[in-house]
């Protein structure tokens, strides 16, 4: 009998001091982390809630997100993608469903950006030429008339430069820098002169 009074007292104490017992109805956060969000348009939903995830100002595409409304203890949640940004191929949700017992910060959203070709033409190349775009490096042999760098994410900057000139020639790059739009970049031109 005495132990049942103790259990009832403990339950009452828990109800009074909700924060000490791991949360309460309408007091739990639902959210997590995201990556690959560089443009507005990502919207997620869960049980009638909707959240537009804002891309971070630092340009990393990564950050934390939470729904604006709190959920209740023992609520089920099921986070799904409602819409994705125009520069994204697809977004996936990991740990998106479950039952809330505590704050939920484990819903992970990963968006894969569209990638496009970065290429161009070469004229009058008589020796070996090395082009770079950031860490991407391409070596062209004498007589090459075209080149292709590694595909690049949409809305990302690019800057193609000459790393190594061919022997006895000077090559210059036209249209070598900019930002990749929704289509491949094909207008880069490399011209070599004696």
N, C-alpha and C. Protein backbone atom coordinates (compact mmCIF):
# COMPACT_ATOMS: atom_id res chain seq x y z
N UNK A 1 0.82 -1.19 0.00
CA UNK A 1 0.00 0.00 0.00
C UNK A 1 0.86 1.25 0.00
N UNK A 2 1.90 1.20 0.86
CA UNK A 2 2.78 2.35 0.96
C UNK A 2 3.49 2.60 -0.37
N UNK A 3 3.91 1.52 -1.09
CA UNK A 3 4.61 1.69 -2.37
C UNK A 3 3.68 2.28 -3.42
N UNK A 4 2.38 1.98 -3.38
CA UNK A 4 1.46 2.58 -4.35
C UNK A 4 1.31 4.07 -4.09
N UNK A 5 1.34 4.49 -2.82
CA UNK A 5 1.33 5.93 -2.52
C UNK A 5 2.59 6.60 -3.05
N UNK A 6 3.73 5.91 -2.93
CA UNK A 6 4.98 6.47 -3.42
C UNK A 6 4.95 6.61 -4.93
N UNK A 7 4.41 5.59 -5.64
CA UNK A 7 4.32 5.68 -7.09
C UNK A 7 3.39 6.80 -7.51
N UNK A 8 2.27 6.94 -6.83
CA UNK A 8 1.32 8.02 -7.14
C UNK A 8 1.97 9.36 -6.87
N UNK A 9 2.74 9.45 -5.78
CA UNK A 9 3.43 10.70 -5.46
C UNK A 9 4.47 11.05 -6.51
N UNK A 10 5.18 10.04 -6.99
CA UNK A 10 6.20 10.26 -8.01
C UNK A 10 5.55 10.72 -9.31
N UNK A 11 4.41 10.12 -9.65
CA UNK A 11 3.70 10.52 -10.88
C UNK A 11 3.22 11.96 -10.76
N UNK A 12 2.72 12.35 -9.58
CA UNK A 12 2.27 13.72 -9.35
C UNK A 12 3.44 14.68 -9.44
N UNK A 13 4.56 14.31 -8.85
CA UNK A 13 5.75 15.16 -8.91
C UNK A 13 6.21 15.32 -10.35
N UNK A 14 6.12 14.25 -11.13
CA UNK A 14 6.50 14.30 -12.54
C UNK A 14 5.57 15.24 -13.30
N UNK A 15 4.29 15.17 -13.01
CA UNK A 15 3.32 16.03 -13.69
C UNK A 15 3.55 17.49 -13.33
N UNK A 16 3.95 17.77 -12.10
CA UNK A 16 4.19 19.16 -11.68
C UNK A 16 5.49 19.68 -12.28
N UNK A 17 6.51 18.87 -12.28
CA UNK A 17 7.82 19.27 -12.79
C UNK A 17 8.06 18.60 -14.13
N UNK A 18 7.32 18.99 -15.15
CA UNK A 18 7.34 18.32 -16.45
C UNK A 18 8.72 18.30 -17.09
N UNK A 19 9.43 19.38 -16.95
CA UNK A 19 10.71 19.44 -17.63
C UNK A 19 11.68 18.42 -17.07
N UNK A 20 11.55 18.08 -15.83
CA UNK A 20 12.45 17.09 -15.24
C UNK A 20 12.13 15.68 -15.69
N UNK A 21 10.99 15.46 -16.28
CA UNK A 21 10.58 14.12 -16.68
C UNK A 21 10.67 13.91 -18.18
N UNK A 22 11.39 14.79 -18.87
CA UNK A 22 11.64 14.56 -20.29
C UNK A 22 10.63 15.17 -21.23
N UNK A 23 9.84 16.13 -20.84
CA UNK A 23 8.94 16.80 -21.76
C UNK A 23 7.50 16.65 -21.38
N UNK A 24 6.63 17.31 -22.13
CA UNK A 24 5.21 17.25 -21.86
C UNK A 24 4.44 17.50 -23.13
N UNK A 25 3.11 17.35 -23.07
CA UNK A 25 2.30 17.59 -24.25
C UNK A 25 2.51 19.01 -24.76
N UNK A 26 2.75 19.11 -26.08
CA UNK A 26 2.92 20.42 -26.71
C UNK A 26 4.23 21.10 -26.34
N UNK A 27 5.20 20.35 -25.86
CA UNK A 27 6.46 20.96 -25.45
C UNK A 27 7.67 20.38 -26.17
N UNK A 28 7.46 19.55 -27.17
CA UNK A 28 8.58 18.87 -27.81
C UNK A 28 8.87 19.43 -29.20
N UNK A 29 10.16 19.62 -29.47
CA UNK A 29 10.63 20.12 -30.76
C UNK A 29 10.75 18.96 -31.74
N UNK A 30 10.39 19.21 -33.00
CA UNK A 30 10.58 18.23 -34.08
C UNK A 30 11.40 18.90 -35.17
N UNK A 31 12.57 18.34 -35.43
CA UNK A 31 13.43 18.91 -36.46
C UNK A 31 14.69 18.09 -36.64
N UNK A 32 15.73 18.74 -37.16
CA UNK A 32 17.00 18.04 -37.40
C UNK A 32 17.94 18.89 -38.22
N UNK A 33 18.71 18.24 -39.08
CA UNK A 33 19.71 18.90 -39.91
C UNK A 33 19.36 18.75 -41.39
N UNK A 34 19.94 19.64 -42.21
CA UNK A 34 19.77 19.53 -43.66
C UNK A 34 21.09 19.85 -44.35
N UNK A 35 21.25 19.30 -45.56
CA UNK A 35 22.39 19.60 -46.42
C UNK A 35 21.90 19.72 -47.86
N UNK A 36 22.65 20.46 -48.68
CA UNK A 36 22.33 20.58 -50.10
C UNK A 36 21.21 21.55 -50.41
N UNK A 37 20.96 22.50 -49.51
CA UNK A 37 19.88 23.47 -49.74
C UNK A 37 20.52 24.84 -49.98
N UNK A 38 20.65 25.20 -51.26
CA UNK A 38 21.28 26.47 -51.61
C UNK A 38 20.29 27.47 -52.20
N UNK A 39 19.05 27.05 -52.34
CA UNK A 39 18.03 27.89 -52.97
C UNK A 39 16.70 27.64 -52.27
N UNK A 40 15.86 28.67 -52.20
CA UNK A 40 14.55 28.52 -51.58
C UNK A 40 13.69 27.54 -52.37
N UNK A 41 12.74 26.90 -51.67
CA UNK A 41 11.81 26.00 -52.33
C UNK A 41 11.62 24.68 -51.63
N UNK A 42 12.48 24.38 -50.63
CA UNK A 42 12.33 23.13 -49.90
C UNK A 42 11.26 23.28 -48.83
N UNK A 43 10.20 22.47 -48.92
CA UNK A 43 9.11 22.48 -47.95
C UNK A 43 8.89 21.06 -47.47
N UNK A 44 8.81 20.90 -46.14
CA UNK A 44 8.54 19.59 -45.55
C UNK A 44 7.24 19.67 -44.75
N UNK A 45 6.59 18.52 -44.60
CA UNK A 45 5.34 18.46 -43.84
C UNK A 45 5.38 17.27 -42.88
N UNK A 46 4.55 17.37 -41.84
CA UNK A 46 4.35 16.26 -40.92
C UNK A 46 3.05 16.48 -40.18
N UNK A 47 2.08 15.61 -40.39
CA UNK A 47 0.82 15.65 -39.65
C UNK A 47 0.18 17.03 -39.63
N UNK A 48 0.05 17.64 -40.80
CA UNK A 48 -0.62 18.92 -40.90
C UNK A 48 0.29 20.13 -40.74
N UNK A 49 1.48 19.94 -40.20
CA UNK A 49 2.44 21.04 -40.11
C UNK A 49 3.20 21.16 -41.42
N UNK A 50 3.63 22.37 -41.72
CA UNK A 50 4.39 22.62 -42.93
C UNK A 50 5.53 23.57 -42.60
N UNK A 51 6.70 23.30 -43.15
CA UNK A 51 7.87 24.14 -42.86
C UNK A 51 8.66 24.38 -44.13
N UNK A 52 8.86 25.67 -44.46
CA UNK A 52 9.75 26.05 -45.56
C UNK A 52 11.15 26.22 -44.97
N UNK A 53 12.09 25.48 -45.50
CA UNK A 53 13.47 25.54 -44.99
C UNK A 53 14.25 26.55 -45.79
N UNK A 54 14.78 27.55 -45.09
CA UNK A 54 15.51 28.64 -45.72
C UNK A 54 16.98 28.27 -45.91
N UNK A 55 17.53 28.49 -47.11
CA UNK A 55 18.95 28.19 -47.29
C UNK A 55 19.81 29.11 -46.43
N UNK A 56 20.89 28.61 -45.88
CA UNK A 56 21.74 29.44 -45.03
C UNK A 56 22.43 30.54 -45.82
N UNK A 57 22.63 31.68 -45.18
CA UNK A 57 23.25 32.83 -45.84
C UNK A 57 24.73 32.61 -46.14
N UNK A 58 25.36 31.68 -45.44
CA UNK A 58 26.80 31.46 -45.63
C UNK A 58 27.12 30.65 -46.89
N UNK A 59 26.10 30.19 -47.61
CA UNK A 59 26.31 29.48 -48.87
C UNK A 59 26.72 28.02 -48.74
N UNK A 60 26.77 27.49 -47.52
CA UNK A 60 27.19 26.09 -47.34
C UNK A 60 26.10 25.11 -47.74
N UNK A 61 24.84 25.55 -47.70
CA UNK A 61 23.72 24.65 -48.00
C UNK A 61 23.36 23.74 -46.85
N UNK A 62 24.00 23.92 -45.69
CA UNK A 62 23.77 23.04 -44.54
C UNK A 62 23.34 23.84 -43.32
N UNK A 63 22.49 23.22 -42.49
CA UNK A 63 22.05 23.90 -41.28
C UNK A 63 21.08 23.04 -40.49
N UNK A 64 20.44 23.67 -39.51
CA UNK A 64 19.45 22.99 -38.67
C UNK A 64 18.07 23.55 -39.00
N UNK A 65 17.04 22.75 -38.76
CA UNK A 65 15.67 23.20 -38.99
C UNK A 65 14.77 22.58 -37.93
N UNK A 66 13.65 23.26 -37.65
CA UNK A 66 12.62 22.72 -36.76
C UNK A 66 11.26 23.23 -37.24
N UNK A 67 10.23 22.44 -36.98
CA UNK A 67 8.87 22.93 -37.22
C UNK A 67 8.58 24.05 -36.24
N UNK A 68 7.73 24.98 -36.65
CA UNK A 68 7.40 26.12 -35.79
C UNK A 68 6.55 25.71 -34.60
N UNK A 69 5.66 24.73 -34.79
CA UNK A 69 4.79 24.28 -33.70
C UNK A 69 5.39 23.08 -32.98
N UNK A 70 5.26 23.07 -31.68
CA UNK A 70 5.75 21.95 -30.88
C UNK A 70 4.78 20.78 -30.98
N UNK A 71 5.30 19.58 -30.76
CA UNK A 71 4.44 18.40 -30.77
C UNK A 71 4.30 17.87 -29.35
N UNK A 72 3.40 16.94 -29.17
CA UNK A 72 3.09 16.41 -27.84
C UNK A 72 3.81 15.09 -27.59
N UNK A 73 3.98 14.78 -26.33
CA UNK A 73 4.55 13.51 -25.93
C UNK A 73 3.71 12.37 -26.51
N UNK A 74 4.36 11.38 -27.07
CA UNK A 74 3.74 10.20 -27.65
C UNK A 74 3.09 10.46 -29.00
N UNK A 75 3.20 11.68 -29.54
CA UNK A 75 2.69 11.95 -30.89
C UNK A 75 3.52 11.18 -31.91
N UNK A 76 2.83 10.66 -32.93
CA UNK A 76 3.54 10.08 -34.06
C UNK A 76 3.87 11.20 -35.03
N UNK A 77 5.00 11.09 -35.72
CA UNK A 77 5.38 12.08 -36.73
C UNK A 77 5.87 11.34 -37.96
N UNK A 78 5.67 11.99 -39.10
CA UNK A 78 6.09 11.41 -40.38
C UNK A 78 6.47 12.57 -41.30
N UNK A 79 7.74 12.90 -41.32
CA UNK A 79 8.23 14.04 -42.10
C UNK A 79 8.45 13.62 -43.54
N UNK A 80 7.82 14.34 -44.47
CA UNK A 80 7.97 14.06 -45.90
C UNK A 80 8.25 15.36 -46.65
N UNK A 81 8.83 15.21 -47.83
CA UNK A 81 9.13 16.36 -48.69
C UNK A 81 7.87 16.74 -49.46
N UNK A 82 7.47 18.00 -49.34
CA UNK A 82 6.31 18.48 -50.11
C UNK A 82 6.78 19.09 -51.43
N UNK A 83 7.85 19.88 -51.39
CA UNK A 83 8.41 20.46 -52.62
C UNK A 83 9.91 20.64 -52.44
N UNK A 84 10.62 20.69 -53.57
CA UNK A 84 12.06 20.85 -53.52
C UNK A 84 12.48 22.04 -54.37
N UNK A 85 13.65 22.62 -54.10
CA UNK A 85 14.14 23.74 -54.90
C UNK A 85 14.35 23.34 -56.36
N UNK A 86 14.31 24.32 -57.25
CA UNK A 86 14.43 24.04 -58.68
C UNK A 86 15.82 23.54 -59.07
N UNK A 87 16.83 23.79 -58.25
CA UNK A 87 18.19 23.35 -58.59
C UNK A 87 18.55 22.00 -57.98
N UNK A 88 17.54 21.29 -57.48
CA UNK A 88 17.77 20.02 -56.79
C UNK A 88 17.22 18.86 -57.60
N UNK A 89 18.03 17.78 -57.67
CA UNK A 89 17.58 16.56 -58.35
C UNK A 89 16.60 15.80 -57.48
N UNK A 90 16.94 15.63 -56.20
CA UNK A 90 16.07 14.90 -55.29
C UNK A 90 16.48 15.21 -53.86
N UNK A 91 15.53 15.05 -52.93
CA UNK A 91 15.79 15.19 -51.51
C UNK A 91 15.30 13.93 -50.80
N UNK A 92 16.07 13.47 -49.82
CA UNK A 92 15.68 12.30 -49.04
C UNK A 92 15.60 12.66 -47.57
N UNK A 93 14.72 11.97 -46.86
CA UNK A 93 14.55 12.17 -45.42
C UNK A 93 14.98 10.89 -44.71
N UNK A 94 15.85 11.04 -43.71
CA UNK A 94 16.29 9.92 -42.89
C UNK A 94 15.79 10.15 -41.46
N UNK A 95 15.35 9.10 -40.79
CA UNK A 95 14.79 9.19 -39.43
C UNK A 95 13.55 10.09 -39.40
N UNK A 96 12.75 10.04 -40.46
CA UNK A 96 11.63 10.96 -40.60
C UNK A 96 10.35 10.55 -39.91
N UNK A 97 10.27 9.33 -39.39
CA UNK A 97 9.03 8.91 -38.74
C UNK A 97 9.34 8.24 -37.41
N UNK A 98 8.38 8.35 -36.50
CA UNK A 98 8.53 7.74 -35.18
C UNK A 98 7.49 8.26 -34.22
N UNK A 99 7.74 8.04 -32.94
CA UNK A 99 6.84 8.51 -31.89
C UNK A 99 7.67 9.34 -30.92
N UNK A 100 7.19 10.54 -30.63
CA UNK A 100 7.96 11.48 -29.80
C UNK A 100 7.92 11.09 -28.34
N UNK A 101 9.08 10.95 -27.74
CA UNK A 101 9.20 10.75 -26.30
C UNK A 101 9.97 11.90 -25.68
N UNK A 102 10.87 12.45 -26.49
CA UNK A 102 11.70 13.59 -26.11
C UNK A 102 11.75 14.51 -27.32
N UNK A 103 12.51 15.60 -27.20
CA UNK A 103 12.74 16.46 -28.36
C UNK A 103 13.35 15.62 -29.48
N UNK A 104 12.92 15.87 -30.71
CA UNK A 104 13.42 15.11 -31.86
C UNK A 104 14.28 16.05 -32.71
N UNK A 105 15.58 15.79 -32.70
CA UNK A 105 16.52 16.58 -33.51
C UNK A 105 17.23 15.70 -34.54
N UNK A 106 16.69 14.52 -34.81
CA UNK A 106 17.39 13.53 -35.63
C UNK A 106 16.85 13.37 -37.05
N UNK A 107 15.90 14.23 -37.46
CA UNK A 107 15.37 14.11 -38.82
C UNK A 107 16.36 14.79 -39.78
N UNK A 108 16.96 13.99 -40.65
CA UNK A 108 18.03 14.47 -41.53
C UNK A 108 17.52 14.55 -42.96
N UNK A 109 17.68 15.73 -43.57
CA UNK A 109 17.24 15.94 -44.95
C UNK A 109 18.46 16.22 -45.82
N UNK A 110 18.65 15.41 -46.85
CA UNK A 110 19.78 15.57 -47.77
C UNK A 110 19.26 15.80 -49.18
N UNK A 111 19.65 16.92 -49.76
CA UNK A 111 19.24 17.24 -51.13
C UNK A 111 20.46 17.12 -52.05
N UNK A 112 20.24 16.49 -53.19
CA UNK A 112 21.29 16.32 -54.19
C UNK A 112 21.07 17.35 -55.29
N UNK A 113 22.05 18.22 -55.47
CA UNK A 113 21.94 19.28 -56.47
C UNK A 113 22.05 18.72 -57.89
N UNK A 114 21.33 19.36 -58.83
CA UNK A 114 21.51 19.03 -60.24
C UNK A 114 22.95 19.34 -60.62
N UNK A 115 23.54 18.53 -61.47
CA UNK A 115 24.91 18.77 -61.93
C UNK A 115 24.89 18.89 -63.45
N UNK A 116 25.74 19.79 -63.97
CA UNK A 116 25.76 20.05 -65.41
C UNK A 116 27.18 20.00 -65.95
N UNK A 117 27.29 19.69 -67.24
CA UNK A 117 28.58 19.62 -67.91
C UNK A 117 29.22 21.00 -68.02
N UNK A 118 30.53 21.02 -67.95
CA UNK A 118 31.32 22.24 -68.13
C UNK A 118 32.36 21.92 -69.19
N UNK A 119 32.16 22.47 -70.39
CA UNK A 119 33.03 22.09 -71.51
C UNK A 119 33.24 23.26 -72.45
N UNK A 120 34.08 23.02 -73.47
CA UNK A 120 34.34 24.08 -74.43
C UNK A 120 35.20 23.60 -75.58
N UNK A 121 35.68 24.56 -76.35
CA UNK A 121 36.47 24.27 -77.55
C UNK A 121 37.91 24.73 -77.36
N UNK A 122 38.80 24.14 -78.15
CA UNK A 122 40.22 24.49 -78.13
C UNK A 122 40.65 24.71 -79.58
N UNK A 123 41.41 25.77 -79.81
CA UNK A 123 41.89 26.01 -81.18
C UNK A 123 43.41 26.17 -81.20
N UNK A 124 44.03 25.59 -82.26
CA UNK A 124 45.45 25.76 -82.58
C UNK A 124 46.40 25.23 -81.49
N UNK A 125 46.03 24.16 -80.80
CA UNK A 125 46.88 23.61 -79.74
C UNK A 125 47.97 22.73 -80.35
N UNK A 126 49.26 23.09 -80.10
CA UNK A 126 50.40 22.37 -80.68
C UNK A 126 51.16 21.53 -79.66
N UNK A 127 50.84 21.67 -78.37
CA UNK A 127 51.54 20.90 -77.35
C UNK A 127 50.56 20.52 -76.25
N UNK A 128 51.08 20.11 -75.09
CA UNK A 128 50.22 19.74 -73.97
C UNK A 128 49.79 20.98 -73.19
N UNK A 129 48.52 20.98 -72.81
CA UNK A 129 47.93 22.10 -72.08
C UNK A 129 47.19 21.55 -70.87
N UNK A 130 47.35 22.22 -69.72
CA UNK A 130 46.64 21.80 -68.51
C UNK A 130 45.69 22.91 -68.08
N UNK A 131 44.39 22.54 -67.98
CA UNK A 131 43.36 23.47 -67.52
C UNK A 131 42.90 23.04 -66.13
N UNK A 132 42.50 24.02 -65.31
CA UNK A 132 41.96 23.72 -63.98
C UNK A 132 40.70 24.52 -63.74
N UNK A 133 39.83 23.92 -62.94
CA UNK A 133 38.65 24.60 -62.40
C UNK A 133 38.59 24.19 -60.93
N UNK A 134 39.08 25.04 -60.04
CA UNK A 134 39.20 24.66 -58.64
C UNK A 134 40.19 23.52 -58.53
N UNK A 135 39.76 22.40 -57.94
CA UNK A 135 40.65 21.24 -57.79
C UNK A 135 40.57 20.29 -58.98
N UNK A 136 39.66 20.54 -59.92
CA UNK A 136 39.53 19.69 -61.11
C UNK A 136 40.61 20.08 -62.12
N UNK A 137 41.26 19.06 -62.67
CA UNK A 137 42.40 19.29 -63.57
C UNK A 137 42.25 18.41 -64.81
N UNK A 138 42.44 19.00 -66.00
CA UNK A 138 42.34 18.27 -67.25
C UNK A 138 43.58 18.57 -68.09
N UNK A 139 44.22 17.51 -68.60
CA UNK A 139 45.38 17.67 -69.48
C UNK A 139 44.95 17.38 -70.91
N UNK A 140 45.25 18.33 -71.80
CA UNK A 140 44.89 18.19 -73.22
C UNK A 140 46.17 17.95 -74.03
N UNK A 141 46.07 17.07 -74.98
CA UNK A 141 47.21 16.75 -75.85
C UNK A 141 47.18 17.64 -77.09
N UNK A 142 48.32 17.73 -77.75
CA UNK A 142 48.44 18.51 -78.99
C UNK A 142 47.35 18.07 -79.97
N UNK A 143 46.72 19.03 -80.63
CA UNK A 143 45.69 18.75 -81.61
C UNK A 143 44.28 18.64 -81.05
N UNK A 144 44.13 18.67 -79.72
CA UNK A 144 42.79 18.59 -79.12
C UNK A 144 41.95 19.78 -79.58
N UNK A 145 40.68 19.52 -79.84
CA UNK A 145 39.79 20.60 -80.29
C UNK A 145 38.66 20.87 -79.30
N UNK A 146 38.57 20.04 -78.25
CA UNK A 146 37.53 20.27 -77.25
C UNK A 146 38.01 19.73 -75.91
N UNK A 147 37.31 20.10 -74.85
CA UNK A 147 37.63 19.59 -73.51
C UNK A 147 36.36 19.54 -72.69
N UNK A 148 36.43 18.75 -71.62
CA UNK A 148 35.31 18.70 -70.68
C UNK A 148 35.87 18.57 -69.27
N UNK A 149 35.44 19.46 -68.39
CA UNK A 149 35.82 19.41 -66.99
C UNK A 149 34.80 18.52 -66.27
N UNK A 150 35.01 18.28 -64.97
CA UNK A 150 34.04 17.52 -64.17
C UNK A 150 32.73 18.30 -64.11
N UNK A 151 31.61 17.57 -64.08
CA UNK A 151 30.30 18.21 -63.96
C UNK A 151 30.26 19.04 -62.68
N UNK A 152 29.49 20.11 -62.72
CA UNK A 152 29.45 21.04 -61.59
C UNK A 152 28.01 21.29 -61.14
N UNK A 153 27.83 21.51 -59.85
CA UNK A 153 26.49 21.68 -59.28
C UNK A 153 25.85 22.97 -59.77
N UNK A 154 24.57 22.89 -60.03
CA UNK A 154 23.80 24.06 -60.46
C UNK A 154 23.88 25.18 -59.43
N UNK A 155 23.99 26.41 -59.92
CA UNK A 155 24.12 27.62 -59.11
C UNK A 155 25.48 27.76 -58.45
N UNK A 156 26.44 26.91 -58.83
CA UNK A 156 27.80 27.02 -58.30
C UNK A 156 28.67 27.85 -59.23
N UNK A 157 29.64 28.57 -58.68
CA UNK A 157 30.56 29.33 -59.53
C UNK A 157 31.61 28.42 -60.16
N UNK A 158 32.14 28.84 -61.29
CA UNK A 158 33.25 28.12 -61.91
C UNK A 158 34.25 29.15 -62.44
N UNK A 159 35.48 28.70 -62.60
CA UNK A 159 36.53 29.57 -63.12
C UNK A 159 37.63 28.74 -63.73
N UNK A 160 37.61 28.58 -65.04
CA UNK A 160 38.60 27.76 -65.74
C UNK A 160 39.80 28.63 -66.08
N UNK A 161 40.98 28.16 -65.70
CA UNK A 161 42.21 28.88 -66.00
C UNK A 161 43.26 27.91 -66.54
N UNK A 162 44.30 28.46 -67.15
CA UNK A 162 45.42 27.66 -67.65
C UNK A 162 46.41 27.46 -66.51
N UNK A 163 46.71 26.20 -66.20
CA UNK A 163 47.71 25.89 -65.18
C UNK A 163 49.09 25.73 -65.81
N UNK A 164 49.14 25.03 -66.94
CA UNK A 164 50.41 24.83 -67.64
C UNK A 164 50.22 25.11 -69.13
N UNK A 165 51.03 26.04 -69.66
CA UNK A 165 50.97 26.39 -71.08
C UNK A 165 51.74 25.36 -71.90
N UNK A 166 51.33 25.16 -73.16
CA UNK A 166 52.11 24.28 -74.04
C UNK A 166 53.44 24.95 -74.41
N UNK A 167 54.45 24.15 -74.70
CA UNK A 167 55.77 24.70 -75.06
C UNK A 167 55.65 25.57 -76.31
N UNK A 168 56.16 26.79 -76.21
CA UNK A 168 56.19 27.69 -77.36
C UNK A 168 54.86 28.35 -77.69
N UNK A 169 53.84 28.18 -76.84
CA UNK A 169 52.53 28.78 -77.10
C UNK A 169 51.99 29.46 -75.85
N UNK A 170 51.06 30.38 -76.08
CA UNK A 170 50.30 31.00 -74.99
C UNK A 170 48.83 30.78 -75.29
N UNK A 171 48.13 30.15 -74.33
CA UNK A 171 46.71 29.89 -74.51
C UNK A 171 45.91 30.78 -73.56
N UNK A 172 44.84 31.31 -74.06
CA UNK A 172 43.96 32.16 -73.26
C UNK A 172 42.55 31.56 -73.24
N UNK A 173 41.83 31.83 -72.14
CA UNK A 173 40.49 31.28 -71.95
C UNK A 173 39.46 32.40 -72.05
N UNK A 174 38.46 32.20 -72.88
CA UNK A 174 37.34 33.14 -72.99
C UNK A 174 36.09 32.48 -72.40
N UNK A 175 35.23 33.27 -71.77
CA UNK A 175 34.00 32.77 -71.13
C UNK A 175 34.31 31.70 -70.08
N UNK A 176 35.44 31.84 -69.41
CA UNK A 176 35.90 30.80 -68.50
C UNK A 176 35.36 30.89 -67.09
N UNK A 177 34.62 31.92 -66.76
CA UNK A 177 34.10 32.03 -65.39
C UNK A 177 32.64 32.45 -65.42
N UNK A 178 31.95 32.09 -64.36
CA UNK A 178 30.53 32.43 -64.25
C UNK A 178 29.87 31.55 -63.21
N UNK A 179 28.57 31.44 -63.30
CA UNK A 179 27.78 30.59 -62.41
C UNK A 179 26.96 29.64 -63.25
N UNK A 180 26.99 28.37 -62.90
CA UNK A 180 26.26 27.36 -63.67
C UNK A 180 24.77 27.54 -63.48
N UNK A 181 24.04 27.65 -64.57
CA UNK A 181 22.59 27.78 -64.53
C UNK A 181 21.92 26.42 -64.65
N UNK A 182 20.70 26.40 -65.18
CA UNK A 182 19.96 25.14 -65.30
C UNK A 182 20.32 24.30 -66.52
N UNK A 183 21.38 24.70 -67.24
CA UNK A 183 21.79 23.96 -68.45
C UNK A 183 23.30 23.83 -68.47
N UNK A 184 23.82 22.91 -69.27
CA UNK A 184 25.27 22.76 -69.36
C UNK A 184 25.95 24.03 -69.86
N UNK A 185 27.20 24.23 -69.44
CA UNK A 185 28.02 25.33 -69.93
C UNK A 185 28.89 24.77 -71.05
N UNK A 186 28.71 25.30 -72.27
CA UNK A 186 29.44 24.76 -73.43
C UNK A 186 30.18 25.85 -74.21
N UNK A 187 30.14 27.10 -73.75
CA UNK A 187 30.69 28.19 -74.53
C UNK A 187 32.08 28.65 -74.12
N UNK A 188 32.79 27.84 -73.32
CA UNK A 188 34.16 28.21 -72.95
C UNK A 188 35.05 27.97 -74.16
N UNK A 189 35.92 28.93 -74.47
CA UNK A 189 36.80 28.81 -75.63
C UNK A 189 38.24 29.04 -75.22
N UNK A 190 39.11 28.11 -75.61
CA UNK A 190 40.55 28.23 -75.36
C UNK A 190 41.22 28.44 -76.71
N UNK A 191 41.98 29.52 -76.80
CA UNK A 191 42.66 29.86 -78.05
C UNK A 191 44.16 29.95 -77.78
N UNK A 192 44.93 29.24 -78.63
CA UNK A 192 46.38 29.18 -78.44
C UNK A 192 47.10 29.86 -79.60
N UNK A 193 48.13 30.64 -79.27
CA UNK A 193 48.90 31.35 -80.28
C UNK A 193 50.39 31.08 -80.02
N UNK A 194 51.22 31.24 -81.10
CA UNK A 194 52.67 31.01 -80.93
C UNK A 194 53.27 32.01 -79.93
